[in-house]
Amino acid sequence: MPQAIFRIETDTLPLIGLLTTGSDEPTRYFSVDDAQLRDASSNGLNGIRAILTADREVPHTAEYDAAPRLRPFHAAPSADGLVSGFMRSHVSKMPERTSPREPVEPARWFFKGIDRWLRESGDALHVPADAIALIEEPEVVLVFLSDEQGDPKYAGYTLGNDLCDIGLHLKDPAYNPYCKLCETSLLPYVFLDTPPTSVTGTVTITRNGQTSWKGDFSCGTDSLYYTADEMVGHFFSYPIVRRPGALNYVFLGADSASYHDGYRIADGDDISIDFASHNVQLNNHIAFTPASVVTAS
């Protein structure tokens, strides 16, 4: 299992935690701030690993272990944190796949929002009150930080739930940008490794305290129709996303889920995603949220 980093805030300084999820080994903590971590990421995974040195390590305390765990990366103050991803990216959704493929068509891409919109495990995920049919989507999420020249550097991967309104998308694919305007959650951990070939686990949905749906899932690069390099290579060919100091979370797409099994997520459901292969869980409450009437007058 690859090591993962996360961030905590203390009364005196920010710290980066380093752990192996599911291990009994104690978490190590390092005095590394946002700017130092961004600078280190300009040398990719090796640069991030290299900054977690003994001279920056601080003594382990129970207080640190009890602190809320937060995502470790921020965009530079002059840049943005963007969230986007790919759809219809899995082999199961592209049965006509042949190899080799020449030319390779671009994967279908969507924009999800900015990183401040992302939610943590334990948060409610708010969706429109008139959502047609929601779907949970356990996914691998690649993390990129752009250096001072605007070149994106791979900084590891995390895992998330790209909740969306598949019913709206199926009604009319042109509505997909609206479909994706459902809140999304990420783990606080970034795994310091190449994109995983396989991530497996189980989704459990509870309603009124009782299990209402349960099913297994699999994602990772072995499940993809495209290679990860093909997907991010085309995405980052656009200068607008290659800005100095930018942070990009890139969802690689999901396979089938509760919707495809006939289940319909309702207001008040609780979704628990057990990423068993990585010994981590992501838990969120679904909140249908009425909106006030907005006019242009």
Protein backbone atom coordinates (compact mmCIF):
# COMPACT_ATOMS: atom_id res chain seq x y z
CA MET A 1 0.00 0.00 0.00
CA PRO A 2 1.49 3.39 -0.97
CA GLN A 3 2.05 6.03 1.67
CA ALA A 4 -0.34 8.97 1.77
CA ILE A 5 -0.10 12.54 3.00
CA PHE A 6 -2.69 14.85 4.53
CA ARG A 7 -2.68 18.20 6.33
CA ILE A 8 -3.66 19.28 9.84
CA GLU A 9 -3.85 22.76 11.34
CA THR A 10 -2.41 23.40 14.81
CA ASP A 11 -2.34 26.51 16.97
CA THR A 12 1.18 27.29 15.85
CA LEU A 13 1.82 25.83 12.40
CA PRO A 14 0.44 23.60 9.65
CA LEU A 15 1.71 20.05 9.56
CA ILE A 16 1.81 17.38 6.89
CA GLY A 17 0.97 13.88 8.09
CA LEU A 18 2.46 10.78 6.45
CA LEU A 19 0.90 7.35 6.94
CA THR A 20 0.11 4.01 5.38
CA THR A 21 -3.66 3.61 5.54
CA GLY A 22 -4.77 0.57 7.47
CA SER A 23 -1.34 0.13 9.07
CA ASP A 24 -0.64 0.04 12.81
CA GLU A 25 2.47 2.13 12.30
CA PRO A 26 2.22 5.58 13.92
CA THR A 27 1.59 8.56 11.68
CA ARG A 28 4.59 10.83 11.21
CA TYR A 29 4.23 14.62 11.11
CA PHE A 30 6.37 17.20 9.35
CA SER A 31 6.58 20.97 9.55
CA VAL A 32 5.91 21.80 5.89
CA ASP A 33 3.77 24.74 4.77
CA ASP A 34 1.75 25.26 1.58
CA ALA A 35 4.47 27.11 -0.31
CA GLN A 36 7.11 24.50 0.54
CA LEU A 37 4.84 21.66 -0.54
CA ARG A 38 4.02 23.42 -3.84
CA ASP A 39 7.70 24.03 -4.50
CA ALA A 40 8.51 20.40 -3.78
CA SER A 41 5.79 19.22 -6.17
CA SER A 42 7.61 20.88 -9.07
CA ASN A 43 9.81 17.76 -8.97
CA GLY A 44 6.82 15.43 -8.91
CA LEU A 45 6.38 12.58 -6.46
CA ASN A 46 10.11 12.37 -5.75
CA GLY A 47 10.16 16.04 -4.79
CA ILE A 48 7.26 15.60 -2.37
CA ARG A 49 8.87 12.56 -0.78
CA ALA A 50 12.20 14.38 -0.50
CA ILE A 51 10.78 17.26 1.55
CA LEU A 52 9.51 14.89 4.26
CA THR A 53 12.90 14.69 5.96
CA ALA A 54 13.96 13.94 9.52
CA ASP A 55 14.96 17.54 10.20
CA ARG A 56 11.38 18.65 9.46
CA GLU A 57 9.75 15.88 11.50
CA VAL A 58 8.03 16.90 14.74
CA PRO A 59 7.31 14.63 17.72
CA HIS A 60 4.16 12.56 17.39
CA THR A 61 1.29 13.51 19.73
CA ALA A 62 -2.24 12.24 20.35
CA GLU A 63 -3.46 15.80 19.74
CA TYR A 64 -2.18 15.66 16.17
CA ASP A 65 -3.83 12.28 15.60
CA ALA A 66 -7.16 13.69 16.83
CA ALA A 67 -7.06 16.79 14.62
CA PRO A 68 -9.29 16.94 11.52
CA ARG A 69 -7.47 15.61 8.47
CA LEU A 70 -7.56 17.95 5.48
CA ARG A 71 -6.49 17.79 1.86
CA PRO A 72 -2.78 18.67 1.71
CA PHE A 73 -2.56 20.84 -1.41
CA HIS A 74 -3.66 24.38 -2.21
CA ALA A 75 -3.34 26.38 -5.39
CA ALA A 76 -0.96 29.32 -5.30
CA PRO A 77 -2.62 32.56 -4.08
CA SER A 78 -2.59 33.90 -7.64
CA ALA A 79 -4.05 30.73 -9.19
CA ASP A 80 -7.07 28.46 -8.97
CA GLY A 81 -7.98 25.00 -7.76
CA LEU A 82 -10.11 23.27 -10.41
CA VAL A 83 -12.16 20.07 -10.29
CA SER A 84 -13.00 18.22 -13.50
CA GLY A 85 -13.08 14.73 -14.90
CA PHE A 86 -13.92 12.22 -17.58
CA MET A 87 -17.08 10.30 -18.35
CA ARG A 88 -17.78 7.22 -20.46
CA SER A 89 -14.17 6.32 -19.81
CA HIS A 90 -14.48 2.64 -18.77
CA VAL A 91 -14.11 -0.46 -20.93
CA SER A 92 -17.57 -1.62 -19.86
CA LYS A 93 -19.04 1.51 -21.44
CA MET A 94 -17.02 1.17 -24.66
CA PRO A 95 -17.48 -2.47 -25.76
CA GLU A 96 -16.24 -1.68 -29.25
CA ARG A 97 -12.69 -1.13 -27.94
CA THR A 98 -9.93 -2.44 -30.17
CA SER A 99 -6.18 -2.32 -29.76
CA PRO A 100 -4.07 -0.77 -31.09
CA ARG A 101 -6.23 2.29 -31.70
CA GLU A 102 -5.18 4.89 -34.23
CA PRO A 103 -6.02 7.68 -33.89
CA VAL A 104 -7.11 7.87 -30.25
CA GLU A 105 -10.18 10.03 -29.83
CA PRO A 106 -10.25 12.35 -26.79
CA ALA A 107 -12.09 11.13 -23.72
CA ARG A 108 -15.29 12.99 -22.88
CA TRP A 109 -14.54 15.66 -20.27
CA PHE A 110 -16.64 17.67 -17.82
CA PHE A 111 -16.03 20.61 -15.49
CA LYS A 112 -17.13 20.06 -11.91
CA GLY A 113 -16.19 23.27 -10.12
CA ILE A 114 -13.50 24.76 -7.90
CA ASP A 115 -11.69 23.05 -5.07
CA ARG A 116 -13.45 25.11 -2.39
CA TRP A 117 -16.68 23.35 -3.41
CA LEU A 118 -15.28 19.94 -2.50
CA ARG A 119 -16.67 18.25 0.62
CA GLU A 120 -15.04 15.99 3.19
CA SER A 121 -16.06 12.63 4.58
CA GLY A 122 -18.82 13.25 7.10
CA ASP A 123 -20.21 16.29 5.26
CA ALA A 124 -23.65 16.48 3.70
CA LEU A 125 -23.74 16.54 -0.11
CA HIS A 126 -26.31 19.09 -1.26
CA VAL A 127 -28.23 18.59 -4.50
CA PRO A 128 -31.22 20.36 -6.10
CA ALA A 129 -34.58 19.45 -4.59
CA ASP A 130 -35.84 18.47 -8.06
CA ALA A 131 -32.96 16.11 -8.93
CA ILE A 132 -34.26 13.39 -11.26
CA ALA A 133 -32.04 10.39 -10.38
CA LEU A 134 -28.80 10.61 -8.44
CA ILE A 135 -25.88 8.23 -8.74
CA GLU A 136 -22.85 7.73 -6.52
CA GLU A 137 -19.58 7.30 -8.41
CA PRO A 138 -16.51 5.96 -6.56
CA GLU A 139 -13.52 7.16 -8.55
CA VAL A 140 -9.78 7.58 -8.71
CA VAL A 141 -8.86 11.27 -8.73
CA LEU A 142 -5.47 12.41 -10.03
CA VAL A 143 -3.84 15.47 -8.47
CA PHE A 144 -1.70 17.91 -10.46
CA LEU A 145 0.08 21.09 -9.37
CA SER A 146 1.45 23.44 -12.01
CA ASP A 147 4.96 24.83 -11.53
CA GLU A 148 6.03 28.45 -12.08
CA GLN A 149 6.11 27.89 -15.85
CA GLY A 150 2.59 26.45 -15.85
CA ASP A 151 3.69 22.85 -16.46
CA PRO A 152 1.41 20.43 -14.55
CA LYS A 153 3.28 18.03 -12.28
CA TYR A 154 1.66 14.82 -11.06
CA ALA A 155 1.43 14.92 -7.24
CA GLY A 156 -0.34 11.62 -6.52
CA TYR A 157 -3.93 10.45 -6.42
CA THR A 158 -6.88 10.44 -4.08
CA LEU A 159 -10.31 8.79 -4.06
CA GLY A 160 -13.71 10.42 -4.23
CA ASN A 161 -17.44 10.24 -4.89
CA ASP A 162 -18.55 12.17 -7.97
CA LEU A 163 -22.23 12.40 -7.03
CA CYS A 164 -24.30 13.55 -10.01
CA ASP A 165 -27.81 13.58 -11.47
CA ILE A 166 -27.63 10.82 -14.07
CA GLY A 167 -31.36 11.17 -14.66
CA LEU A 168 -30.86 14.69 -15.97
CA HIS A 169 -28.00 13.54 -18.17
CA LEU A 170 -30.08 10.71 -19.64
CA LYS A 171 -32.98 13.08 -20.27
CA ASP A 172 -30.68 15.11 -22.51
CA PRO A 173 -26.87 14.72 -22.62
CA ALA A 174 -26.65 18.45 -23.29
CA TYR A 175 -27.74 18.91 -19.66
CA ASN A 176 -24.58 17.18 -18.41
CA PRO A 177 -23.03 20.44 -17.10
CA TYR A 178 -26.09 20.80 -14.81
CA CYS A 179 -25.94 17.10 -13.93
CA LYS A 180 -22.46 17.62 -12.50
CA LEU A 181 -23.47 20.53 -10.25
CA CYS A 182 -24.00 18.18 -7.31
CA GLU A 183 -21.59 18.40 -4.42
CA THR A 184 -18.67 15.98 -4.50
CA SER A 185 -16.55 14.56 -1.70
CA LEU A 186 -12.89 13.56 -1.53
CA LEU A 187 -10.74 11.77 0.98
CA PRO A 188 -8.20 13.99 2.76
CA TYR A 189 -5.40 11.65 1.68
CA VAL A 190 -3.18 11.96 -1.38
CA PHE A 191 -1.38 8.69 -2.14
CA LEU A 192 2.20 9.18 -3.28
CA ASP A 193 2.21 6.69 -6.11
CA THR A 194 1.37 6.30 -9.79
CA PRO A 195 -2.32 5.96 -10.70
CA PRO A 196 -3.57 2.63 -9.28
CA THR A 197 -4.37 -0.19 -11.66
CA SER A 198 -7.18 -1.42 -9.42
CA VAL A 199 -9.28 0.06 -6.61
CA THR A 200 -11.99 -2.17 -5.18
CA GLY A 201 -14.57 -1.89 -2.46
CA THR A 202 -18.21 -1.75 -1.47
CA VAL A 203 -20.89 0.95 -1.48
CA THR A 204 -23.52 0.76 1.26
CA ILE A 205 -26.54 3.08 1.21
CA THR A 206 -28.70 3.35 4.32
CA ARG A 207 -32.16 4.86 4.64
CA ASN A 208 -33.79 5.48 8.02
CA GLY A 209 -31.01 3.52 9.67
CA GLN A 210 -31.47 0.40 7.51
CA THR A 211 -29.34 -0.83 4.62
CA SER A 212 -31.30 -0.10 1.46
CA TRP A 213 -28.67 -0.96 -1.17
CA LYS A 214 -25.24 -2.55 -1.20
CA GLY A 215 -22.91 -3.38 -4.05
CA ASP A 216 -19.27 -3.85 -4.98
CA PHE A 217 -17.30 -1.60 -7.31
CA SER A 218 -14.00 -1.58 -9.14
CA CYS A 219 -12.11 1.31 -10.67
CA GLY A 220 -8.51 2.08 -11.62
CA THR A 221 -6.52 2.23 -14.81
CA ASP A 222 -7.10 -1.44 -15.71
CA SER A 223 -10.81 -0.63 -16.03
CA LEU A 224 -10.33 2.29 -18.41
CA TYR A 225 -10.95 2.39 -22.14
CA TYR A 226 -8.27 5.08 -22.40
CA THR A 227 -4.88 5.23 -20.73
CA ALA A 228 -4.47 7.81 -18.01
CA ASP A 229 -1.72 9.45 -20.08
CA GLU A 230 -4.06 9.81 -23.06
CA MET A 231 -6.73 11.40 -20.90
CA VAL A 232 -4.63 13.93 -19.01
CA GLY A 233 -2.37 14.56 -21.99
CA HIS A 234 -5.25 15.87 -24.08
CA PHE A 235 -6.79 17.77 -21.17
CA PHE A 236 -3.58 19.61 -20.35
CA SER A 237 -2.99 20.51 -24.00
CA TYR A 238 -5.35 23.43 -23.35
CA PRO A 239 -3.37 26.48 -22.15
CA ILE A 240 -6.23 27.73 -19.96
CA VAL A 241 -5.65 24.86 -17.49
CA ARG A 242 -1.85 25.18 -17.60
CA ARG A 243 -1.55 28.24 -15.38
CA PRO A 244 1.36 28.75 -12.96
CA GLY A 245 0.47 27.58 -9.47
CA ALA A 246 -2.82 25.96 -10.50
CA LEU A 247 -4.16 22.88 -8.72
CA ASN A 248 -6.18 20.32 -10.69
CA TYR A 249 -8.22 17.42 -9.35
CA VAL A 250 -9.03 15.11 -12.29
CA PHE A 251 -11.66 12.36 -11.87
CA LEU A 252 -10.98 9.33 -14.08
CA GLY A 253 -14.59 8.13 -14.28
CA ALA A 254 -16.76 5.44 -12.72
CA ASP A 255 -18.28 2.12 -13.67
CA SER A 256 -21.85 0.99 -12.90
CA ALA A 257 -23.39 1.85 -9.51
CA SER A 258 -26.66 1.75 -7.57
CA TYR A 259 -28.65 3.48 -10.33
CA HIS A 260 -27.84 0.69 -12.79
CA ASP A 261 -29.18 -1.83 -10.25
CA GLY A 262 -32.52 -0.02 -10.09
CA TYR A 263 -31.92 1.84 -6.82
CA ARG A 264 -32.94 5.50 -6.54
CA ILE A 265 -31.08 7.66 -4.02
CA ALA A 266 -33.45 9.75 -1.90
CA ASP A 267 -33.22 12.77 0.36
CA GLY A 268 -31.72 11.72 3.68
CA ASP A 269 -29.88 8.64 2.40
CA ASP A 270 -26.40 8.00 3.77
CA ILE A 271 -23.75 6.76 1.34
CA SER A 272 -20.73 4.90 2.69
CA ILE A 273 -17.96 3.99 0.26
CA ASP A 274 -15.49 1.48 1.64
CA PHE A 275 -12.37 1.61 -0.53
CA ALA A 276 -11.28 -1.76 0.88
CA SER A 277 -8.18 -2.01 -1.31
CA HIS A 278 -6.89 1.18 0.34
CA ASN A 279 -8.33 0.72 3.87
CA VAL A 280 -10.22 4.03 3.80
CA GLN A 281 -13.88 5.05 3.90
CA LEU A 282 -15.86 8.00 2.57
CA ASN A 283 -19.21 8.72 4.23
CA ASN A 284 -21.75 11.37 3.24
CA HIS A 285 -25.38 12.30 3.87
CA ILE A 286 -27.56 13.28 0.90
CA ALA A 287 -29.48 16.53 1.32
CA PHE A 288 -32.06 17.63 -1.26
CA THR A 289 -31.99 21.42 -1.00
CA PRO A 290 -34.81 23.73 -2.13
CA ALA A 291 -33.68 26.96 -3.74
CA SER A 292 -35.14 30.42 -3.37
CA VAL A 293 -36.56 31.99 -6.52
CA VAL A 294 -33.95 34.05 -8.35
CA THR A 295 -34.89 36.53 -11.06
CA ALA A 296 -32.90 38.81 -13.34
CA SER A 297 -34.94 41.86 -12.44
